[in-house]
Amino acid sequence: MNEPALATAPDQHQKDSCSYAVEIAKQFLTLASAGLAFLVGLALSAQGPVSWLWYLCAALLLISIGAGLAFVMSVVAHVNQEKRYDVYTGMLKRYSLVQIGSFFGAVILLALILFSLLGAKSNIARTDLYIKAGDREVTMIQSHGRLMA
């Protein structure tokens, strides 16, 4: 009597594993899309030309998005055609590795881009404030975003 329950236990385990794999792929899709939007926003607000790192980072994020979509669609086709929930087949593994690897590569490049932007000298004009009231004079000098008296 217990044999049918034991026979369905691995099937449920594979269904859960398949569901978790698809959810993780969807999370990486969301993160890569947000990273691409963030990168485009930075590029539009950049004061000057963007370097090849920007384009490489965008390409890696697009590869991550493409591999994630391919993974999700392949899982759906795999389950539909083969009636199995095994997501650890060769091609599905490759899609997920490409998705995750390209995403983390893009994150590293994005960190390098942000550090280069933070380290670059600002083109903001220096603003000084002079206040004279009677015989008293106060001078305020703005240096790197801080006011100094």
C-alpha atoms as a PDB file:
ATOM      1  CA  MET A   1       0.000   0.000   0.000  1.00  0.00           C
ATOM      2  CA  ASN A   2       2.850   2.383   0.727  1.00  0.00           C
ATOM      3  CA  GLU A   3       4.540   1.788  -2.639  1.00  0.00           C
ATOM      4  CA  PRO A   4       2.512   4.402  -4.595  1.00  0.00           C
ATOM      5  CA  ALA A   5       3.323   7.040  -1.987  1.00  0.00           C
ATOM      6  CA  LEU A   6       7.022   6.169  -2.247  1.00  0.00           C
ATOM      7  CA  ALA A   7       6.886   6.266  -6.038  1.00  0.00           C
ATOM      8  CA  THR A   8       5.479   9.794  -6.082  1.00  0.00           C
ATOM      9  CA  ALA A   9       7.926  11.197  -3.528  1.00  0.00           C
ATOM     10  CA  PRO A  10      10.861  11.555  -5.983  1.00  0.00           C
ATOM     11  CA  ASP A  11       8.470  13.018  -8.547  1.00  0.00           C
ATOM     12  CA  GLN A  12       7.368  15.682  -6.049  1.00  0.00           C
ATOM     13  CA  HIS A  13      11.015  16.332  -5.185  1.00  0.00           C
ATOM     14  CA  GLN A  14      11.811  16.914  -8.871  1.00  0.00           C
ATOM     15  CA  LYS A  15       8.764  19.177  -9.255  1.00  0.00           C
ATOM     16  CA  ASP A  16       9.922  21.252  -6.301  1.00  0.00           C
ATOM     17  CA  SER A  17      13.463  21.386  -7.670  1.00  0.00           C
ATOM     18  CA  CYS A  18      12.158  22.482 -11.069  1.00  0.00           C
ATOM     19  CA  SER A  19       9.995  25.155  -9.472  1.00  0.00           C
ATOM     20  CA  TYR A  20      12.912  26.487  -7.404  1.00  0.00           C
ATOM     21  CA  ALA A  21      15.198  26.569 -10.443  1.00  0.00           C
ATOM     22  CA  VAL A  22      12.665  28.559 -12.446  1.00  0.00           C
ATOM     23  CA  GLU A  23      12.114  30.978  -9.543  1.00  0.00           C
ATOM     24  CA  ILE A  24      15.862  31.562  -9.172  1.00  0.00           C
ATOM     25  CA  ALA A  25      16.178  32.157 -12.915  1.00  0.00           C
ATOM     26  CA  LYS A  26      13.326  34.670 -12.713  1.00  0.00           C
ATOM     27  CA  GLN A  27      15.067  36.481  -9.851  1.00  0.00           C
ATOM     28  CA  PHE A  28      18.279  36.757 -11.875  1.00  0.00           C
ATOM     29  CA  LEU A  29      16.217  38.006 -14.836  1.00  0.00           C
ATOM     30  CA  THR A  30      14.768  40.737 -12.638  1.00  0.00           C
ATOM     31  CA  LEU A  31      18.169  41.705 -11.229  1.00  0.00           C
ATOM     32  CA  ALA A  32      19.810  41.788 -14.666  1.00  0.00           C
ATOM     33  CA  SER A  33      16.986  43.935 -16.059  1.00  0.00           C
ATOM     34  CA  ALA A  34      17.296  46.340 -13.133  1.00  0.00           C
ATOM     35  CA  GLY A  35      21.081  46.418 -13.569  1.00  0.00           C
ATOM     36  CA  LEU A  36      20.688  47.273 -17.242  1.00  0.00           C
ATOM     37  CA  ALA A  37      18.243  50.069 -16.427  1.00  0.00           C
ATOM     38  CA  PHE A  38      20.638  51.391 -13.763  1.00  0.00           C
ATOM     39  CA  LEU A  39      23.548  51.294 -16.217  1.00  0.00           C
ATOM     40  CA  VAL A  40      21.567  53.158 -18.887  1.00  0.00           C
ATOM     41  CA  GLY A  41      20.576  55.773 -16.319  1.00  0.00           C
ATOM     42  CA  LEU A  42      24.204  56.240 -15.337  1.00  0.00           C
ATOM     43  CA  ALA A  43      25.261  56.510 -18.970  1.00  0.00           C
ATOM     44  CA  LEU A  44      22.636  59.165 -19.688  1.00  0.00           C
ATOM     45  CA  SER A  45      23.724  61.231 -16.697  1.00  0.00           C
ATOM     46  CA  ALA A  46      27.463  60.782 -17.323  1.00  0.00           C
ATOM     47  CA  GLN A  47      29.339  63.960 -18.116  1.00  0.00           C
ATOM     48  CA  GLY A  48      31.412  62.795 -21.019  1.00  0.00           C
ATOM     49  CA  PRO A  49      31.885  59.729 -23.165  1.00  0.00           C
ATOM     50  CA  VAL A  50      31.438  56.267 -21.739  1.00  0.00           C
ATOM     51  CA  SER A  51      34.251  53.742 -21.940  1.00  0.00           C
ATOM     52  CA  TRP A  52      34.280  50.223 -23.346  1.00  0.00           C
ATOM     53  CA  LEU A  53      33.570  48.900 -19.824  1.00  0.00           C
ATOM     54  CA  TRP A  54      30.057  50.335 -20.057  1.00  0.00           C
ATOM     55  CA  TYR A  55      29.372  48.503 -23.306  1.00  0.00           C
ATOM     56  CA  LEU A  56      30.862  45.265 -21.995  1.00  0.00           C
ATOM     57  CA  CYS A  57      28.748  45.508 -18.837  1.00  0.00           C
ATOM     58  CA  ALA A  58      25.603  46.120 -20.904  1.00  0.00           C
ATOM     59  CA  ALA A  59      26.468  43.163 -23.158  1.00  0.00           C
ATOM     60  CA  LEU A  60      26.939  40.867 -20.152  1.00  0.00           C
ATOM     61  CA  LEU A  61      23.604  41.949 -18.695  1.00  0.00           C
ATOM     62  CA  LEU A  62      21.890  41.337 -22.036  1.00  0.00           C
ATOM     63  CA  ILE A  63      23.524  37.897 -22.256  1.00  0.00           C
ATOM     64  CA  SER A  64      22.288  37.142 -18.737  1.00  0.00           C
ATOM     65  CA  ILE A  65      18.760  38.192 -19.677  1.00  0.00           C
ATOM     66  CA  GLY A  66      18.847  36.123 -22.878  1.00  0.00           C
ATOM     67  CA  ALA A  67      20.213  33.038 -21.143  1.00  0.00           C
ATOM     68  CA  GLY A  68      17.606  33.372 -18.380  1.00  0.00           C
ATOM     69  CA  LEU A  69      14.777  33.579 -20.878  1.00  0.00           C
ATOM     70  CA  ALA A  70      16.213  30.616 -22.783  1.00  0.00           C
ATOM     71  CA  PHE A  71      16.438  28.640 -19.531  1.00  0.00           C
ATOM     72  CA  VAL A  72      12.849  29.341 -18.499  1.00  0.00           C
ATOM     73  CA  MET A  73      11.478  28.571 -21.964  1.00  0.00           C
ATOM     74  CA  SER A  74      13.587  25.405 -22.215  1.00  0.00           C
ATOM     75  CA  VAL A  75      12.314  24.170 -18.855  1.00  0.00           C
ATOM     76  CA  VAL A  76       8.740  24.702 -19.997  1.00  0.00           C
ATOM     77  CA  ALA A  77       9.423  22.815 -23.244  1.00  0.00           C
ATOM     78  CA  HIS A  78      11.340  20.083 -21.383  1.00  0.00           C
ATOM     79  CA  VAL A  79       8.480  19.485 -18.969  1.00  0.00           C
ATOM     80  CA  ASN A  80       5.882  19.602 -21.728  1.00  0.00           C
ATOM     81  CA  GLN A  81       7.652  17.305 -24.204  1.00  0.00           C
ATOM     82  CA  GLU A  82       9.411  14.813 -21.956  1.00  0.00           C
ATOM     83  CA  LYS A  83       6.987  14.894 -19.004  1.00  0.00           C
ATOM     84  CA  ARG A  84       9.971  15.051 -16.653  1.00  0.00           C
ATOM     85  CA  TYR A  85      10.951  17.692 -14.143  1.00  0.00           C
ATOM     86  CA  ASP A  86      14.695  17.031 -14.253  1.00  0.00           C
ATOM     87  CA  VAL A  87      16.291  20.459 -14.696  1.00  0.00           C
ATOM     88  CA  TYR A  88      19.849  19.163 -14.397  1.00  0.00           C
ATOM     89  CA  THR A  89      20.263  18.143 -18.022  1.00  0.00           C
ATOM     90  CA  GLY A  90      23.189  19.413 -20.069  1.00  0.00           C
ATOM     91  CA  MET A  91      21.646  22.304 -21.973  1.00  0.00           C
ATOM     92  CA  LEU A  92      19.617  23.600 -19.027  1.00  0.00           C
ATOM     93  CA  LYS A  93      22.749  23.608 -16.872  1.00  0.00           C
ATOM     94  CA  ARG A  94      24.616  25.590 -19.515  1.00  0.00           C
ATOM     95  CA  TYR A  95      21.868  28.188 -19.766  1.00  0.00           C
ATOM     96  CA  SER A  96      21.804  28.692 -16.020  1.00  0.00           C
ATOM     97  CA  LEU A  97      25.602  28.868 -15.753  1.00  0.00           C
ATOM     98  CA  VAL A  98      25.757  31.452 -18.551  1.00  0.00           C
ATOM     99  CA  GLN A  99      22.968  33.448 -16.920  1.00  0.00           C
ATOM    100  CA  ILE A 100      24.543  33.512 -13.465  1.00  0.00           C
ATOM    101  CA  GLY A 101      28.136  33.884 -14.668  1.00  0.00           C
ATOM    102  CA  SER A 102      27.412  36.788 -16.996  1.00  0.00           C
ATOM    103  CA  PHE A 103      25.330  38.486 -14.311  1.00  0.00           C
ATOM    104  CA  PHE A 104      28.143  38.366 -11.744  1.00  0.00           C
ATOM    105  CA  GLY A 105      30.655  39.471 -14.372  1.00  0.00           C
ATOM    106  CA  ALA A 106      28.442  42.479 -15.087  1.00  0.00           C
ATOM    107  CA  VAL A 107      28.162  43.244 -11.365  1.00  0.00           C
ATOM    108  CA  ILE A 108      31.961  43.327 -11.098  1.00  0.00           C
ATOM    109  CA  LEU A 109      32.202  45.649 -14.108  1.00  0.00           C
ATOM    110  CA  LEU A 110      29.438  47.842 -12.713  1.00  0.00           C
ATOM    111  CA  ALA A 111      31.374  48.149  -9.442  1.00  0.00           C
ATOM    112  CA  LEU A 112      34.477  49.197 -11.406  1.00  0.00           C
ATOM    113  CA  ILE A 113      32.423  51.770 -13.306  1.00  0.00           C
ATOM    114  CA  LEU A 114      30.956  53.177 -10.088  1.00  0.00           C
ATOM    115  CA  PHE A 115      34.369  53.383  -8.421  1.00  0.00           C
ATOM    116  CA  SER A 116      35.770  55.199 -11.457  1.00  0.00           C
ATOM    117  CA  LEU A 117      32.860  57.651 -11.354  1.00  0.00           C
ATOM    118  CA  LEU A 118      33.316  58.263  -7.639  1.00  0.00           C
ATOM    119  CA  GLY A 119      37.052  58.707  -8.050  1.00  0.00           C
ATOM    120  CA  ALA A 120      36.761  61.108 -10.988  1.00  0.00           C
ATOM    121  CA  LYS A 121      37.074  64.788 -10.292  1.00  0.00           C
ATOM    122  CA  SER A 122      33.789  66.585 -10.272  1.00  0.00           C
ATOM    123  CA  ASN A 123      33.129  69.242 -12.887  1.00  0.00           C
ATOM    124  CA  ILE A 124      30.922  71.176 -10.489  1.00  0.00           C
ATOM    125  CA  ALA A 125      31.876  74.830 -10.311  1.00  0.00           C
ATOM    126  CA  ARG A 126      33.245  76.032  -7.022  1.00  0.00           C
ATOM    127  CA  THR A 127      30.824  78.308  -5.270  1.00  0.00           C
ATOM    128  CA  ASP A 128      31.942  80.807  -2.689  1.00  0.00           C
ATOM    129  CA  LEU A 129      29.597  82.843  -0.526  1.00  0.00           C
ATOM    130  CA  TYR A 130      30.645  86.244   0.786  1.00  0.00           C
ATOM    131  CA  ILE A 131      28.479  88.009   3.344  1.00  0.00           C
ATOM    132  CA  LYS A 132      29.328  91.508   4.502  1.00  0.00           C
ATOM    133  CA  ALA A 133      27.281  93.223   7.164  1.00  0.00           C
ATOM    134  CA  GLY A 134      28.706  96.482   8.349  1.00  0.00           C
ATOM    135  CA  ASP A 135      32.280  95.900   9.419  1.00  0.00           C
ATOM    136  CA  ARG A 136      31.882  92.097   9.698  1.00  0.00           C
ATOM    137  CA  GLU A 137      32.614  89.818   6.777  1.00  0.00           C
ATOM    138  CA  VAL A 138      31.893  86.097   6.557  1.00  0.00           C
ATOM    139  CA  THR A 139      33.288  83.930   3.769  1.00  0.00           C
ATOM    140  CA  MET A 140      31.872  80.488   3.020  1.00  0.00           C
ATOM    141  CA  ILE A 141      33.805  78.286   0.606  1.00  0.00           C
ATOM    142  CA  GLN A 142      32.294  75.131  -0.830  1.00  0.00           C
ATOM    143  CA  SER A 143      34.902  72.423  -1.159  1.00  0.00           C
ATOM    144  CA  HIS A 144      33.801  69.006  -2.469  1.00  0.00           C
ATOM    145  CA  GLY A 145      30.209  69.435  -1.356  1.00  0.00           C
ATOM    146  CA  ARG A 146      31.078  70.669   2.162  1.00  0.00           C
ATOM    147  CA  LEU A 147      30.805  74.218   3.358  1.00  0.00           C
ATOM    148  CA  MET A 148      33.830  75.579   5.180  1.00  0.00           C
ATOM    149  CA  ALA A 149      33.821  78.838   7.128  1.00  0.00           C
END
